[in-house]
Protein backbone atom coordinates (compact mmCIF):
# COMPACT_ATOMS: atom_id res chain seq x y z
CA UNK A 1 -14.52 45.55 -33.11
CA UNK A 2 -11.86 46.51 -35.63
CA UNK A 3 -11.15 44.23 -38.59
CA UNK A 4 -7.85 44.72 -40.37
CA UNK A 5 -7.04 42.77 -43.51
CA UNK A 6 -3.54 42.11 -44.77
CA UNK A 7 -2.45 44.27 -47.65
CA UNK A 8 -1.13 41.22 -49.49
CA UNK A 9 -3.24 39.50 -52.11
CA UNK A 10 -4.77 36.14 -51.32
CA UNK A 11 -2.20 33.38 -51.60
CA UNK A 12 -3.16 30.53 -53.90
CA UNK A 13 0.16 28.64 -53.87
CA UNK A 14 1.61 26.98 -50.76
CA UNK A 15 4.78 28.38 -49.23
CA UNK A 16 7.92 26.50 -50.16
CA UNK A 17 9.68 25.89 -46.88
CA UNK A 18 9.21 26.11 -43.14
CA UNK A 19 11.59 25.25 -40.30
CA UNK A 20 10.46 24.56 -36.73
CA UNK A 21 11.85 26.99 -34.15
CA UNK A 22 14.96 25.93 -32.26
CA UNK A 23 16.56 27.12 -29.07
CA UNK A 24 16.87 26.27 -25.39
CA UNK A 25 13.19 26.90 -24.67
CA UNK A 26 11.68 25.66 -27.94
CA UNK A 27 13.71 22.80 -29.35
CA UNK A 28 12.18 20.10 -31.48
CA UNK A 29 13.52 16.55 -31.38
CA UNK A 30 15.66 16.25 -34.49
CA UNK A 31 15.61 12.47 -34.17
CA UNK A 32 11.82 12.25 -34.13
CA UNK A 33 9.64 14.92 -35.70
CA UNK A 34 12.52 16.90 -37.10
CA UNK A 35 13.51 13.94 -39.26
CA UNK A 36 12.00 13.25 -42.71
CA UNK A 37 8.80 11.25 -42.71
CA UNK A 38 9.50 7.51 -42.61
CA UNK A 39 8.89 5.42 -45.69
CA UNK A 40 5.84 3.25 -45.86
CA UNK A 41 6.09 0.13 -43.78
CA UNK A 42 6.70 -3.19 -45.51
CA UNK A 43 3.25 -4.55 -44.57
CA UNK A 44 1.27 -1.53 -45.82
CA UNK A 45 0.58 -3.27 -49.14
CA UNK A 46 -0.89 -6.37 -47.50
CA UNK A 47 -4.56 -7.21 -47.77
CA UNK A 48 -6.37 -5.01 -45.19
CA UNK A 49 -7.81 -7.99 -43.30
CA UNK A 50 -4.45 -9.77 -43.10
CA UNK A 51 -2.71 -6.56 -42.03
CA UNK A 52 -5.27 -5.91 -39.28
CA UNK A 53 -5.01 -9.49 -37.98
CA UNK A 54 -1.20 -9.24 -37.91
CA UNK A 55 -1.29 -5.94 -36.05
CA UNK A 56 -3.80 -7.37 -33.56
CA UNK A 57 -1.53 -10.35 -32.86
CA UNK A 58 1.53 -8.14 -32.40
CA UNK A 59 -0.38 -5.82 -30.05
CA UNK A 60 -1.61 -8.75 -27.93
CA UNK A 61 1.89 -10.23 -27.67
CA UNK A 62 3.34 -6.85 -26.69
CA UNK A 63 0.77 -6.53 -23.90
CA UNK A 64 1.65 -9.90 -22.34
CA UNK A 65 2.96 -8.32 -19.07
CA UNK A 66 -0.36 -6.52 -18.53
CA UNK A 67 -2.28 -9.72 -19.27
CA UNK A 68 -0.14 -11.51 -16.68
CA UNK A 69 -0.88 -8.83 -14.08
CA UNK A 70 -4.57 -9.04 -14.95
CA UNK A 71 -4.57 -12.82 -14.46
CA UNK A 72 -2.79 -12.34 -11.12
CA UNK A 73 -5.51 -9.98 -9.88
CA UNK A 74 -8.54 -11.89 -11.11
CA UNK A 75 -8.73 -14.53 -8.31
CA UNK A 76 -8.51 -11.81 -5.64
CA UNK A 77 -11.74 -10.16 -6.79
CA UNK A 78 -13.78 -12.63 -4.72
CA UNK A 79 -11.95 -11.58 -1.51
CA UNK A 80 -12.03 -7.79 -2.00
CA UNK A 81 -14.52 -7.31 -4.84
CA UNK A 82 -14.90 -3.54 -5.07
CA UNK A 83 -11.24 -2.60 -4.78
CA UNK A 84 -9.90 -5.42 -6.92
CA UNK A 85 -12.66 -4.97 -9.48
CA UNK A 86 -11.51 -1.37 -9.88
CA UNK A 87 -7.91 -2.43 -10.54
CA UNK A 88 -9.09 -5.19 -12.86
CA UNK A 89 -11.25 -2.71 -14.82
CA UNK A 90 -8.41 -0.17 -15.13
CA UNK A 91 -6.01 -2.78 -16.49
CA UNK A 92 -8.64 -4.21 -18.84
CA UNK A 93 -9.50 -0.80 -20.27
CA UNK A 94 -5.80 0.00 -20.73
CA UNK A 95 -5.25 -3.23 -22.66
CA UNK A 96 -8.39 -2.57 -24.70
CA UNK A 97 -7.20 0.95 -25.63
CA UNK A 98 -3.77 -0.33 -26.69
CA UNK A 99 -5.29 -3.05 -28.87
CA UNK A 100 -7.63 -0.59 -30.57
CA UNK A 101 -4.87 1.97 -31.08
CA UNK A 102 -2.32 -0.41 -32.58
CA UNK A 103 -4.47 -3.05 -34.23
CA UNK A 104 -7.46 -1.12 -35.51
CA UNK A 105 -6.57 2.57 -35.92
CA UNK A 106 -5.70 3.82 -39.41
CA UNK A 107 -4.63 7.41 -40.07
CA UNK A 108 -7.49 8.73 -42.26
CA UNK A 109 -5.09 11.07 -44.07
CA UNK A 110 -2.74 8.26 -45.08
CA UNK A 111 -4.70 5.02 -45.17
CA UNK A 112 -5.13 3.52 -48.60
CA UNK A 113 -7.15 0.54 -47.43
CA UNK A 114 -9.88 1.96 -45.21
CA UNK A 115 -12.84 -0.35 -44.78
CA UNK A 116 -15.09 2.46 -43.65
CA UNK A 117 -17.84 3.59 -46.01
CA UNK A 118 -19.73 6.73 -45.06
CA UNK A 119 -23.54 6.60 -45.30
CA UNK A 120 -24.93 8.24 -48.42
CA UNK A 121 -26.88 10.71 -46.28
CA UNK A 122 -23.65 12.57 -45.46
CA UNK A 123 -22.80 15.12 -48.18
CA UNK A 124 -19.14 14.83 -49.22
CA UNK A 125 -16.82 17.81 -49.21
CA UNK A 126 -15.26 18.95 -52.48
CA UNK A 127 -11.78 17.67 -53.25
CA UNK A 128 -10.22 20.97 -52.14
CA UNK A 129 -12.69 22.66 -49.76
CA UNK A 130 -12.22 26.24 -48.65
CA UNK A 131 -10.70 26.48 -45.16
CA UNK A 132 -10.79 29.18 -42.48
CA UNK A 133 -8.09 28.89 -39.80
CA UNK A 134 -8.73 30.78 -36.53
CA UNK A 135 -6.82 31.61 -33.35
CA UNK A 136 -7.83 33.75 -30.37
CA UNK A 137 -5.14 35.65 -28.47
CA UNK A 138 -4.94 37.40 -25.13
CA UNK A 139 -1.58 38.85 -23.99
CA UNK A 140 0.77 36.46 -25.82
CA UNK A 141 3.49 38.78 -27.08
CA UNK A 142 6.28 36.21 -26.55
CA UNK A 143 4.77 33.41 -28.63
CA UNK A 144 2.19 34.85 -31.00
CA UNK A 145 4.45 35.67 -33.94
CA UNK A 146 5.69 32.12 -34.40
CA UNK A 147 2.12 30.83 -34.06
CA UNK A 148 0.71 33.16 -36.72
CA UNK A 149 3.64 32.52 -39.04
CA UNK A 150 3.12 28.76 -38.85
CA UNK A 151 -0.59 29.23 -39.56
CA UNK A 152 -0.03 31.45 -42.59
CA UNK A 153 2.74 29.20 -43.87
CA UNK A 154 0.54 26.11 -43.86
CA UNK A 155 0.75 24.49 -47.28
CA UNK A 156 -3.01 24.49 -47.86
CA UNK A 157 -3.96 26.50 -50.97
CA UNK A 158 -6.09 29.61 -50.64
CA UNK A 159 -6.14 29.42 -46.85
CA UNK A 160 -8.11 32.09 -44.94
CA UNK A 161 -6.33 32.88 -41.65
CA UNK A 162 -8.22 34.89 -39.01
CA UNK A 163 -6.51 36.16 -35.85
CA UNK A 164 -8.72 37.54 -33.06
CA UNK A 165 -6.99 39.80 -30.52
CA UNK A 166 -9.10 39.59 -27.37
CA UNK A 167 -8.22 43.09 -26.07
CA UNK A 168 -4.56 42.38 -25.30
CA UNK A 169 -2.70 44.93 -23.18
CA UNK A 170 0.89 43.65 -23.25
CA UNK A 171 1.94 44.74 -26.75
CA UNK A 172 0.50 41.73 -28.57
CA UNK A 173 -1.75 44.01 -30.63
CA UNK A 174 1.18 46.04 -31.95
CA UNK A 175 3.03 42.86 -32.95
CA UNK A 176 -0.02 41.61 -34.85
CA UNK A 177 -0.52 44.93 -36.62
CA UNK A 178 3.07 44.81 -37.80
CA UNK A 179 2.65 41.23 -39.02
CA UNK A 180 -0.32 42.23 -41.20
CA UNK A 181 2.09 44.27 -43.33
CA UNK A 182 4.09 41.12 -44.04
CA UNK A 183 1.75 38.13 -43.78
CA UNK A 184 -1.61 37.34 -45.35
CA UNK A 185 -4.23 37.16 -42.59
CA UNK A 186 -7.22 39.02 -41.19
CA UNK A 187 -6.77 40.66 -37.80
CA UNK A 188 -9.82 41.32 -35.64
CA UNK A 189 -9.20 43.63 -32.69
CA UNK A 190 -11.80 43.39 -29.94
CA UNK A 191 -12.27 46.51 -27.86
CA UNK A 192 -13.00 44.57 -24.68
CA UNK A 193 -12.06 41.13 -23.41
CA UNK A 194 -14.80 38.57 -24.11
CA UNK A 195 -13.04 35.25 -23.43
CA UNK A 196 -11.66 32.58 -25.72
CA UNK A 197 -14.90 31.01 -26.94
CA UNK A 198 -16.61 34.32 -27.65
CA UNK A 199 -13.49 35.62 -29.39
CA UNK A 200 -13.39 32.58 -31.69
CA UNK A 201 -17.08 32.97 -32.47
CA UNK A 202 -16.44 36.62 -33.41
CA UNK A 203 -13.82 35.32 -35.82
CA UNK A 204 -16.20 32.68 -37.17
CA UNK A 205 -18.65 35.44 -38.08
CA UNK A 206 -16.33 36.51 -40.91
CA UNK A 207 -15.07 33.01 -41.77
CA UNK A 208 -16.09 31.75 -45.21
CA UNK A 209 -14.56 28.26 -45.23
CA UNK A 210 -16.37 24.99 -45.70
CA UNK A 211 -13.93 23.74 -43.07
CA UNK A 212 -13.23 25.73 -39.89
CA UNK A 213 -10.02 25.01 -37.99
CA UNK A 214 -8.73 26.28 -34.65
CA UNK A 215 -5.36 26.35 -32.94
CA UNK A 216 -4.05 27.77 -29.68
CA UNK A 217 -1.91 30.88 -29.48
CA UNK A 218 1.08 29.05 -27.99
CA UNK A 219 1.28 26.43 -30.75
CA UNK A 220 3.41 25.90 -33.85
CA UNK A 221 2.20 23.72 -36.70
CA UNK A 222 4.01 21.61 -39.25
CA UNK A 223 3.35 22.98 -42.78
CA UNK A 224 1.29 19.96 -43.83
CA UNK A 225 -0.65 19.49 -40.57
CA UNK A 226 -3.78 21.36 -41.60
CA UNK A 227 -3.77 19.86 -45.10
CA UNK A 228 -3.68 16.36 -43.64
CA UNK A 229 -6.62 17.05 -41.35
CA UNK A 230 -8.67 18.44 -44.24
CA UNK A 231 -7.73 15.41 -46.36
CA UNK A 232 -9.20 13.19 -43.64
CA UNK A 233 -12.51 15.10 -43.71
CA UNK A 234 -12.59 14.85 -47.50
CA UNK A 235 -11.83 11.12 -47.54
CA UNK A 236 -14.59 10.17 -45.07
CA UNK A 237 -17.79 12.17 -45.52
CA UNK A 238 -19.21 11.33 -42.09
CA UNK A 239 -16.21 12.73 -40.22
CA UNK A 240 -17.45 15.94 -38.64
CA UNK A 241 -14.20 16.79 -36.88
CA UNK A 242 -10.63 15.59 -36.45
CA UNK A 243 -7.82 16.31 -34.02
CA UNK A 244 -4.16 16.67 -34.89
CA UNK A 245 -1.27 15.14 -32.92
CA UNK A 246 0.37 17.41 -30.34
CA UNK A 247 3.75 17.24 -28.64
CA UNK A 248 5.59 19.65 -26.32
CA UNK A 249 7.26 22.59 -28.04
CA UNK A 250 9.48 23.27 -25.02
CA UNK A 251 10.13 19.62 -24.18
CA UNK A 252 13.81 20.10 -23.36
CA UNK A 253 13.30 22.94 -20.87
CA UNK A 254 12.82 21.00 -17.63
CA UNK A 255 12.29 17.48 -16.33
CA UNK A 256 8.58 18.27 -16.04
CA UNK A 257 8.31 19.26 -19.72
CA UNK A 258 10.09 16.07 -20.79
CA UNK A 259 7.59 14.05 -18.76
CA UNK A 260 4.66 15.94 -20.28
CA UNK A 261 5.98 15.41 -23.79
CA UNK A 262 5.81 11.63 -23.34
CA UNK A 263 2.36 12.01 -21.79
CA UNK A 264 1.07 14.00 -24.78
CA UNK A 265 2.46 11.40 -27.16
CA UNK A 266 0.55 8.59 -25.44
CA UNK A 267 -2.62 10.63 -24.93
CA UNK A 268 -2.85 11.21 -28.67
CA UNK A 269 -1.22 8.10 -30.14
CA UNK A 270 -3.03 5.64 -27.89
CA UNK A 271 -6.09 7.26 -26.32
CA UNK A 272 -7.24 9.33 -29.29
CA UNK A 273 -6.31 6.58 -31.73
CA UNK A 274 -8.41 4.09 -29.76
CA UNK A 275 -11.38 6.47 -29.71
CA UNK A 276 -10.86 7.32 -33.39
CA UNK A 277 -10.99 3.65 -34.36
CA UNK A 278 -14.58 3.80 -33.07
CA UNK A 279 -15.31 7.21 -34.60
CA UNK A 280 -15.84 8.77 -31.17
CA UNK A 281 -12.90 10.96 -30.16
CA UNK A 282 -14.27 12.81 -27.13
CA UNK A 283 -11.96 15.84 -27.29
CA UNK A 284 -10.71 17.44 -30.49
CA UNK A 285 -7.83 19.18 -28.76
CA UNK A 286 -7.08 22.90 -29.03
CA UNK A 287 -3.60 22.71 -30.60
CA UNK A 288 -5.22 21.60 -33.88
CA UNK A 289 -9.00 21.17 -34.04
CA UNK A 290 -10.54 20.90 -37.51
CA UNK A 291 -14.31 20.84 -38.10
CA UNK A 292 -16.70 20.68 -41.01
CA UNK A 293 -18.67 23.91 -41.07
CA UNK A 294 -22.00 22.09 -41.18
CA UNK A 295 -21.08 20.05 -38.09
CA UNK A 296 -20.63 23.04 -35.75
CA UNK A 297 -22.07 26.20 -37.33
CA UNK A 298 -25.52 26.07 -35.73
CA UNK A 299 -24.02 25.36 -32.30
CA UNK A 300 -21.53 28.20 -32.01
CA UNK A 301 -23.96 30.42 -30.03
CA UNK A 302 -24.57 27.63 -27.50
CA UNK A 303 -20.83 27.06 -27.29
CA UNK A 304 -20.01 30.72 -26.73
CA UNK A 305 -22.72 31.12 -24.07
CA UNK A 306 -22.31 27.79 -22.32
CA UNK A 307 -23.60 27.90 -18.75
CA UNK A 308 -23.05 25.45 -15.93
CA UNK A 309 -24.37 25.45 -12.35
CA UNK A 310 -26.10 28.77 -12.93
CA UNK A 311 -23.17 30.74 -14.35
CA UNK A 312 -21.08 31.25 -17.48
CA UNK A 313 -18.55 28.46 -17.99
CA UNK A 314 -15.37 29.60 -19.73
CA UNK A 315 -13.55 26.26 -19.71
CA UNK A 316 -14.27 23.06 -21.66
CA UNK A 317 -13.77 24.86 -24.97
CA UNK A 318 -12.37 21.81 -26.79
CA UNK A 319 -14.41 19.10 -25.10
CA UNK A 320 -17.71 20.95 -25.28
CA UNK A 321 -17.52 21.78 -28.98
CA UNK A 322 -16.54 18.17 -29.67
CA UNK A 323 -19.54 17.11 -27.59
CA UNK A 324 -21.82 19.15 -29.84
CA UNK A 325 -20.53 17.18 -32.84
CA UNK A 326 -20.79 13.81 -31.13
CA UNK A 327 -24.22 14.39 -29.62
CA UNK A 328 -26.07 16.64 -32.02
CA UNK A 329 -28.19 13.74 -33.28
CA UNK A 330 -29.84 13.70 -29.86
CA UNK A 331 -29.14 17.14 -28.39
CA UNK A 332 -28.68 19.34 -31.45
CA UNK A 333 -32.26 20.49 -31.97
CA UNK A 334 -32.61 21.66 -28.36
CA UNK A 335 -29.31 23.56 -28.58
CA UNK A 336 -30.41 25.38 -31.73
CA UNK A 337 -33.79 26.25 -30.25
CA UNK A 338 -32.04 28.21 -27.49
CA UNK A 339 -30.80 30.77 -30.05
CA UNK A 340 -33.37 30.90 -32.88
CA UNK A 341 -32.61 34.56 -33.67
CA UNK A 342 -28.86 34.10 -34.04
CA UNK A 343 -27.64 34.35 -37.62
CA UNK A 344 -25.64 31.15 -36.97
CA UNK A 345 -29.00 29.36 -36.64
CA UNK A 346 -31.46 31.47 -38.63
CA UNK A 347 -29.42 31.75 -41.85
CA UNK A 348 -29.20 28.01 -42.53
CA UNK A 349 -30.41 25.05 -40.52
CA UNK A 350 -28.04 22.12 -41.01
CA UNK A 351 -29.50 18.64 -40.34
CA UNK A 352 -28.55 16.99 -37.05
CA UNK A 353 -26.33 14.07 -37.98
CA UNK A 354 -24.59 11.24 -36.16
CA UNK A 355 -21.12 12.46 -37.06
CA UNK A 356 -17.97 10.49 -36.43
CA UNK A 357 -15.02 12.28 -34.83
CA UNK A 358 -11.47 11.23 -35.69
CA UNK A 359 -7.78 11.82 -35.16
CA UNK A 360 -4.97 12.38 -37.68
CA UNK A 361 -1.71 11.07 -36.28
CA UNK A 362 0.35 12.50 -39.14
CA UNK A 363 -0.86 16.08 -38.50
CA UNK A 364 1.91 17.37 -36.23
CA UNK A 365 1.63 20.38 -33.95
CA UNK A 366 3.75 21.55 -31.03
CA UNK A 367 2.38 23.33 -27.97
CA UNK A 368 4.02 25.06 -25.01
CA UNK A 369 3.54 23.00 -21.84
CA UNK A 370 3.94 24.30 -18.27
CA UNK A 371 7.52 24.41 -17.06
CA UNK A 372 6.89 24.86 -13.33
CA UNK A 373 4.84 22.67 -10.96
CA UNK A 374 2.62 25.63 -10.04
CA UNK A 375 1.71 26.36 -13.66
CA UNK A 376 1.25 22.65 -14.34
CA UNK A 377 -1.21 22.19 -11.49
CA UNK A 378 -3.15 25.31 -12.53
CA UNK A 379 -3.50 23.84 -16.00
CA UNK A 380 -4.62 20.50 -14.61
CA UNK A 381 -7.28 22.17 -12.45
CA UNK A 382 -8.69 23.82 -15.59
CA UNK A 383 -8.71 20.46 -17.35
CA UNK A 384 -10.43 18.74 -14.43
CA UNK A 385 -13.14 21.41 -14.45
CA UNK A 386 -13.59 20.85 -18.18
CA UNK A 387 -13.88 17.11 -17.56
CA UNK A 388 -16.58 17.64 -14.91
CA UNK A 389 -18.60 20.01 -17.06
CA UNK A 390 -18.36 17.84 -20.16
CA UNK A 391 -19.28 14.69 -18.24
CA UNK A 392 -22.57 16.36 -17.35
CA UNK A 393 -23.22 16.98 -21.06
CA UNK A 394 -21.66 14.18 -23.10
CA UNK A 395 -22.37 11.65 -20.39
CA UNK A 396 -26.07 11.97 -21.15
CA UNK A 397 -25.78 10.57 -24.67
CA UNK A 398 -22.49 8.69 -25.14
CA UNK A 399 -24.28 5.42 -24.42
CA UNK A 400 -26.23 5.98 -27.63
CA UNK A 401 -23.07 5.83 -29.74
CA UNK A 402 -22.62 2.11 -29.18
CA UNK A 403 -21.16 -0.36 -26.71
CA UNK A 404 -17.47 0.12 -27.44
CA UNK A 405 -17.41 3.95 -27.32
CA UNK A 406 -19.49 3.74 -24.14
CA UNK A 407 -17.00 1.39 -22.49
CA UNK A 408 -14.11 3.75 -23.25
CA UNK A 409 -15.96 6.89 -22.20
CA UNK A 410 -17.70 5.76 -19.02
CA UNK A 411 -14.78 3.54 -18.04
CA UNK A 412 -12.48 6.55 -18.14
CA UNK A 413 -14.99 8.61 -16.18
CA UNK A 414 -15.18 5.98 -13.43
CA UNK A 415 -11.38 5.75 -13.31
CA UNK A 416 -10.99 9.52 -12.91
CA UNK A 417 -13.75 9.75 -10.31
CA UNK A 418 -12.47 6.82 -8.22
CA UNK A 419 -8.76 7.71 -8.46
CA UNK A 420 -8.78 10.03 -5.40
CA UNK A 421 -10.46 7.34 -3.28
CA UNK A 422 -7.97 4.73 -4.42
CA UNK A 423 -5.07 7.03 -3.65
CA UNK A 424 -6.40 7.68 -0.14
CA UNK A 425 -6.94 4.01 0.53
CA UNK A 426 -3.54 2.83 -0.69
CA UNK A 427 -1.32 5.76 0.23
CA UNK A 428 -2.88 6.85 3.56
CA UNK A 429 -5.25 4.25 4.99
CA UNK A 430 -3.07 1.23 4.18
CA UNK A 431 0.19 2.58 5.75
CA UNK A 432 -1.70 3.81 8.85
CA UNK A 433 -3.03 0.27 9.33
CA UNK A 434 0.35 -1.33 8.66
CA UNK A 435 -0.63 -2.71 5.24
CA UNK A 436 2.60 -1.71 3.52
CA UNK A 437 2.40 -4.61 1.10
CA UNK A 438 -0.89 -3.23 -0.23
CA UNK A 439 0.79 0.14 -0.82
CA UNK A 440 3.75 -1.54 -2.53
CA UNK A 441 1.44 -3.53 -4.82
CA UNK A 442 -0.47 -0.37 -5.68
CA UNK A 443 2.72 1.50 -6.62
CA UNK A 444 3.99 -1.54 -8.48
CA UNK A 445 0.85 -1.70 -10.60
CA UNK A 446 1.17 2.00 -11.43
CA UNK A 447 4.78 1.51 -12.44
CA UNK A 448 4.05 -1.52 -14.63
CA UNK A 449 1.27 0.36 -16.37
CA UNK A 450 3.64 3.30 -16.88
CA UNK A 451 6.19 0.95 -18.40
CA UNK A 452 3.60 -0.21 -20.93
CA UNK A 453 3.14 3.43 -21.99
CA UNK A 454 6.92 3.82 -22.12
CA UNK A 455 7.23 0.83 -24.45
CA UNK A 456 4.55 2.33 -26.70
CA UNK A 457 6.51 5.60 -26.83
CA UNK A 458 9.73 3.74 -27.68
CA UNK A 459 8.01 1.79 -30.46
CA UNK A 460 6.62 4.94 -32.08
CA UNK A 461 9.80 6.99 -31.50
CA UNK A 462 12.67 4.50 -32.00
CA UNK A 463 15.39 7.17 -32.12
CA UNK A 464 14.36 8.88 -28.89
CA UNK A 465 15.38 7.98 -25.34
CA UNK A 466 12.66 10.07 -23.77
CA UNK A 467 10.54 6.94 -23.12
CA UNK A 468 12.21 6.60 -19.72
CA UNK A 469 10.26 9.60 -18.42
CA UNK A 470 6.85 8.09 -19.10
CA UNK A 471 6.57 5.93 -15.94
CA UNK A 472 7.11 9.11 -13.90
CA UNK A 473 3.98 10.59 -15.46
CA UNK A 474 2.00 7.60 -14.28
CA UNK A 475 3.11 8.23 -10.71
CA UNK A 476 2.40 11.96 -10.95
CA UNK A 477 -1.03 11.36 -12.43
CA UNK A 478 -2.08 8.82 -9.82
CA UNK A 479 -0.47 10.27 -6.71
CA UNK A 480 -0.79 14.00 -7.41
CA UNK A 481 -3.31 14.83 -10.12
CA UNK A 482 -6.04 12.57 -8.75
CA UNK A 483 -6.33 14.84 -5.71
CA UNK A 484 -7.20 17.78 -7.94
CA UNK A 485 -10.63 16.43 -8.88
CA UNK A 486 -12.32 17.23 -5.55
CA UNK A 487 -10.64 20.65 -5.48
CA UNK A 488 -11.74 21.38 -9.05
CA UNK A 489 -15.31 20.43 -8.19
CA UNK A 490 -15.33 22.74 -5.17
CA UNK A 491 -13.89 25.69 -7.14
CA UNK A 492 -15.64 25.07 -10.44
CA UNK A 493 -17.34 28.48 -10.38
CA UNK A 494 -13.99 30.29 -10.57
CA UNK A 495 -13.88 31.16 -14.27
CA UNK A 496 -10.72 32.80 -15.55
CA UNK A 497 -9.49 32.34 -19.12
CA UNK A 498 -5.73 32.69 -19.31
CA UNK A 499 -3.05 30.88 -21.27
CA UNK A 500 -0.26 32.44 -19.29
CA UNK A 501 2.01 29.83 -17.83
């Protein structure tokens, strides 16, 4: 392992400017994220209880079409209980997530009226904690320079940036060596490929920050994204980790990337916001994952050496590390006892705490999404495998985190697991038996649900017309991606780490 430090002195002042990349393959919406941050809303100065009640009422009124569909389905449960109960549960959980996201969620980096008070047993971070920012790279010569530049040019003072080259062979190493002469970061060159998790742990060995942040090698960050995530950890002492908000960097490349961009927006703005309102975000996503050191340090060996079904498991990097934060109160001691000789465990034994995990909507990051169907489906297979592995870990303790987090977590798990069966019944069995109306109702429900997501996108991005692509994602997810779960389960032992799209 070769460690190369930049020749520049440590930067203590933030850089002055940064401009997102533009071009046919990496164009940022000028009418959304490229625009200046909006001014505070007129109701932000209201009493917190009045503001929350108003937001709840608005969210309920906006979801009237889904409530109507729910009321339409309810009487039919007695005639076809299992099938209709599934549809009823999916609609109910969707409405519940929307209400939580829009009526209860507050951005912890911006909220001035948070009602949450962290228990005194959680030690607060200093006002300006030291931060180590890590990325692992394997053969990313086309995207790595813009990623590293956006990391180094984050406006957080005194930032320690660590780049781990996981034995690249395509010229990435030479690009990084050249960048060390210009930018302030530490380059670690691994002599052999060890995989993403092990590469990041190698970087963590030299990290000194009280906060440890990760990004992916195909991402570009807004200058204030990291600072906002750290501010959230500082403001709420029991937050062990937070996720940023990701959108597609190459959204304008193809129809598929436009669809994925709207999907990412909803997955973060609604799903993660709903989970964050309960302090239980189940996946601090790779584009921007920020952790307190004491929430993950003792568990890095278990993370790097995670095994599943008798073999090394290279996926589930984001979900599994998040699971260690969420579940360490109940599983942490056993995880540490697996590696008592590791310096991550032996040097200092941090108490196992019931951390909350959050989401910072204002922390913007862009990531490259697959442009071709083949690359997209390969990515989704990896994600399905991560879901399966994490369900077998986090599923053993999420019920301990309370009723509401349990409903969101296990409800989503049931929806994902049953989706292939529902697709078979409505798209194959029903037409074969002449039940075309059943198929039409199924597709209609998917479309209506997709329209609800489209409305949410339009509300949060009033100057964008991309909302019209969101219903297409609902159809793709239900009719195509649901079939990937059985395949992912059957091929779960195929472990290949690659970010190549």
